C-alpha atoms as a PDB file:
ATOM      1  CA  MET A   1      12.814 -11.830  13.603  1.00  0.00           C
ATOM      2  CA  ARG A   2      10.651 -12.415  10.515  1.00  0.00           C
ATOM      3  CA  ALA A   3      11.505  -8.945   9.185  1.00  0.00           C
ATOM      4  CA  ARG A   4      15.216  -9.740   9.434  1.00  0.00           C
ATOM      5  CA  ALA A   5      14.733 -13.020   7.601  1.00  0.00           C
ATOM      6  CA  LEU A   6      12.797 -11.343   4.802  1.00  0.00           C
ATOM      7  CA  LEU A   7      15.379  -8.571   4.555  1.00  0.00           C
ATOM      8  CA  PHE A   8      18.090 -11.223   4.277  1.00  0.00           C
ATOM      9  CA  VAL A   9      16.164 -12.949   1.474  1.00  0.00           C
ATOM     10  CA  ALA A  10      15.764  -9.628  -0.366  1.00  0.00           C
ATOM     11  CA  LEU A  11      19.449  -8.751  -0.004  1.00  0.00           C
ATOM     12  CA  VAL A  12      20.619 -12.198  -1.051  1.00  0.00           C
ATOM     13  CA  GLY A  13      18.229 -12.069  -4.002  1.00  0.00           C
ATOM     14  CA  SER A  14      19.665  -8.745  -5.127  1.00  0.00           C
ATOM     15  CA  ALA A  15      23.228 -10.013  -4.807  1.00  0.00           C
ATOM     16  CA  LEU A  16      22.392 -13.175  -6.740  1.00  0.00           C
ATOM     17  CA  ALA A  17      20.723 -11.149  -9.465  1.00  0.00           C
ATOM     18  CA  ALA A  18      23.867  -9.111  -9.964  1.00  0.00           C
ATOM     19  CA  SER A  19      26.165 -12.119  -9.950  1.00  0.00           C
ATOM     20  CA  CYS A  20      23.953 -14.381 -12.075  1.00  0.00           C
ATOM     21  CA  GLY A  21      23.314 -11.874 -14.815  1.00  0.00           C
ATOM     22  CA  TRP A  22      19.586 -11.626 -14.261  1.00  0.00           C
ATOM     23  CA  GLU A  23      17.780  -9.060 -16.334  1.00  0.00           C
ATOM     24  CA  GLU A  24      18.438  -5.414 -15.505  1.00  0.00           C
ATOM     25  CA  MET A  25      16.119  -2.522 -16.309  1.00  0.00           C
ATOM     26  CA  ALA A  26      18.862  -0.786 -18.307  1.00  0.00           C
ATOM     27  CA  ASP A  27      18.788  -3.711 -20.757  1.00  0.00           C
ATOM     28  CA  TYR A  28      15.085  -3.178 -21.512  1.00  0.00           C
ATOM     29  CA  PRO A  29      14.429   0.485 -22.309  1.00  0.00           C
ATOM     30  CA  CYS A  30      10.955   1.883 -22.748  1.00  0.00           C
ATOM     31  CA  PRO A  31       9.590   0.913 -26.184  1.00  0.00           C
ATOM     32  CA  PRO A  32       9.920   3.684 -28.807  1.00  0.00           C
ATOM     33  CA  GLN A  33       6.135   4.088 -28.883  1.00  0.00           C
ATOM     34  CA  GLY A  34       6.010   4.419 -25.075  1.00  0.00           C
ATOM     35  CA  THR A  35       3.558   2.500 -22.949  1.00  0.00           C
ATOM     36  CA  THR A  36      -0.166   2.562 -22.322  1.00  0.00           C
ATOM     37  CA  LEU A  37       0.436   1.273 -18.787  1.00  0.00           C
ATOM     38  CA  THR A  38      -0.017   3.783 -15.977  1.00  0.00           C
ATOM     39  CA  TYR A  39      -0.044   3.679 -12.204  1.00  0.00           C
ATOM     40  CA  GLU A  40      -3.821   3.959 -12.331  1.00  0.00           C
ATOM     41  CA  ASN A  41      -4.468   1.180 -14.873  1.00  0.00           C
ATOM     42  CA  PHE A  42      -1.631  -1.186 -13.933  1.00  0.00           C
ATOM     43  CA  GLY A  43       0.880  -0.306 -11.212  1.00  0.00           C
ATOM     44  CA  GLN A  44      -1.457   0.414  -8.332  1.00  0.00           C
ATOM     45  CA  GLN A  45      -3.300  -2.906  -8.650  1.00  0.00           C
ATOM     46  CA  PHE A  46      -0.120  -4.898  -9.323  1.00  0.00           C
ATOM     47  CA  PHE A  47       1.568  -3.620  -6.172  1.00  0.00           C
ATOM     48  CA  ALA A  48      -1.592  -3.949  -4.085  1.00  0.00           C
ATOM     49  CA  THR A  49      -1.986  -7.558  -5.180  1.00  0.00           C
ATOM     50  CA  TRP A  50       1.595  -8.779  -5.119  1.00  0.00           C
ATOM     51  CA  CYS A  51       3.760  -6.476  -2.999  1.00  0.00           C
ATOM     52  CA  VAL A  52       2.267  -4.377  -0.219  1.00  0.00           C
ATOM     53  CA  THR A  53       1.577  -7.284   2.123  1.00  0.00           C
ATOM     54  CA  CYS A  54       5.294  -7.218   2.879  1.00  0.00           C
ATOM     55  CA  HIS A  55       6.262  -3.845   1.405  1.00  0.00           C
ATOM     56  CA  GLY A  56       3.488  -1.801   2.957  1.00  0.00           C
ATOM     57  CA  GLY A  57       5.374   0.672   5.081  1.00  0.00           C
ATOM     58  CA  PRO A  58       5.202   0.428   8.865  1.00  0.00           C
ATOM     59  CA  ASN A  59       2.760  -2.498   8.758  1.00  0.00           C
ATOM     60  CA  GLY A  60       4.825  -4.579   6.328  1.00  0.00           C
ATOM     61  CA  TYR A  61       7.686  -6.989   6.879  1.00  0.00           C
ATOM     62  CA  SER A  62      10.167  -4.913   4.889  1.00  0.00           C
ATOM     63  CA  SER A  63      11.483  -1.407   5.323  1.00  0.00           C
ATOM     64  CA  ARG A  64      10.868  -0.836   1.591  1.00  0.00           C
ATOM     65  CA  SER A  65       7.463   0.686   1.025  1.00  0.00           C
ATOM     66  CA  PHE A  66       5.622   0.271  -2.264  1.00  0.00           C
ATOM     67  CA  THR A  67       2.429   1.991  -1.179  1.00  0.00           C
ATOM     68  CA  ASP A  68       2.788   4.987  -3.477  1.00  0.00           C
ATOM     69  CA  VAL A  69       4.183   5.614  -6.925  1.00  0.00           C
ATOM     70  CA  THR A  70       6.904   7.976  -5.676  1.00  0.00           C
ATOM     71  CA  ASN A  71       8.487   5.203  -3.584  1.00  0.00           C
ATOM     72  CA  ILE A  72       8.102   2.731  -6.431  1.00  0.00           C
ATOM     73  CA  ARG A  73       9.829   5.064  -8.906  1.00  0.00           C
ATOM     74  CA  ALA A  74      12.705   5.624  -6.478  1.00  0.00           C
ATOM     75  CA  GLN A  75      13.264   1.851  -6.276  1.00  0.00           C
ATOM     76  CA  ALA A  76      12.402   0.953  -9.878  1.00  0.00           C
ATOM     77  CA  ALA A  77      15.738  -0.670 -10.803  1.00  0.00           C
ATOM     78  CA  ASP A  78      15.691  -2.902  -7.707  1.00  0.00           C
ATOM     79  CA  ILE A  79      12.056  -3.840  -8.242  1.00  0.00           C
ATOM     80  CA  PHE A  80      12.817  -4.701 -11.866  1.00  0.00           C
ATOM     81  CA  ARG A  81      15.810  -6.839 -10.848  1.00  0.00           C
ATOM     82  CA  ASN A  82      13.700  -8.811  -8.389  1.00  0.00           C
ATOM     83  CA  ALA A  83      10.257  -9.048  -9.953  1.00  0.00           C
ATOM     84  CA  ALA A  84      10.006  -7.928 -13.595  1.00  0.00           C
ATOM     85  CA  ARG A  85      10.181  -9.974 -16.777  1.00  0.00           C
ATOM     86  CA  ASP A  86      11.979 -13.271 -16.058  1.00  0.00           C
ATOM     87  CA  ASN A  87      13.272 -12.107 -12.653  1.00  0.00           C
ATOM     88  CA  THR A  88      11.271 -14.075 -10.109  1.00  0.00           C
ATOM     89  CA  THR A  89      12.948 -13.523  -6.732  1.00  0.00           C
ATOM     90  CA  MET A  90       9.931 -11.566  -5.503  1.00  0.00           C
ATOM     91  CA  PRO A  91       7.387 -12.220  -4.319  1.00  0.00           C
ATOM     92  CA  PRO A  92       8.604 -15.345  -2.543  1.00  0.00           C
ATOM     93  CA  GLY A  93       6.315 -18.319  -2.434  1.00  0.00           C
ATOM     94  CA  PRO A  94       4.229 -20.441  -4.732  1.00  0.00           C
ATOM     95  CA  ASN A  95       1.680 -17.805  -5.773  1.00  0.00           C
ATOM     96  CA  ASP A  96       3.556 -15.626  -8.229  1.00  0.00           C
ATOM     97  CA  PRO A  97       2.333 -12.984 -10.640  1.00  0.00           C
ATOM     98  CA  PRO A  98       1.610 -14.385 -14.092  1.00  0.00           C
ATOM     99  CA  LYS A  99       4.438 -13.997 -16.610  1.00  0.00           C
ATOM    100  CA  ASP A 100       2.495 -11.476 -18.712  1.00  0.00           C
ATOM    101  CA  GLN A 101       2.079  -9.248 -15.649  1.00  0.00           C
ATOM    102  CA  ARG A 102       5.812  -9.505 -14.912  1.00  0.00           C
ATOM    103  CA  TYR A 103       6.541  -8.382 -18.482  1.00  0.00           C
ATOM    104  CA  ASP A 104       4.050  -5.513 -18.111  1.00  0.00           C
ATOM    105  CA  LEU A 105       5.799  -4.565 -14.876  1.00  0.00           C
ATOM    106  CA  GLY A 106       9.099  -4.443 -16.737  1.00  0.00           C
ATOM    107  CA  GLU A 107       7.679  -2.195 -19.440  1.00  0.00           C
ATOM    108  CA  TRP A 108       5.948   0.087 -16.953  1.00  0.00           C
ATOM    109  CA  LEU A 109       9.079   0.506 -14.834  1.00  0.00           C
ATOM    110  CA  ALA A 110      11.344   1.009 -17.870  1.00  0.00           C
ATOM    111  CA  CYS A 111       9.025   3.775 -19.055  1.00  0.00           C
ATOM    112  CA  GLY A 112       9.352   5.635 -15.774  1.00  0.00           C
ATOM    113  CA  ALA A 113       6.294   4.177 -14.020  1.00  0.00           C
ATOM    114  CA  PRO A 114       3.878   6.793 -15.435  1.00  0.00           C
END
């Protein structure tokens, strides 16, 4: 039951993002100089801290798995729409990633999640 509720929240969040004009990854390309952020020095810890409790594969509440960089890259635009920059649909709850980490997430995803 909880998994269905969380899936509903994720789907509604995605639909609201599209209809409300929330920031899209296509609007924030990788900076011309690239990024110093990598999976090893940023992405892995960000997702471990903020995402894999629910998006951890078979043990999570969501069918989306963010336990490895391949899965993250495949879902980069959706992740951006829900959690990067000023998009704050995910994670739900009062303990959100700091704004600077959300902006770093946006840059890292826009640069291909190296």
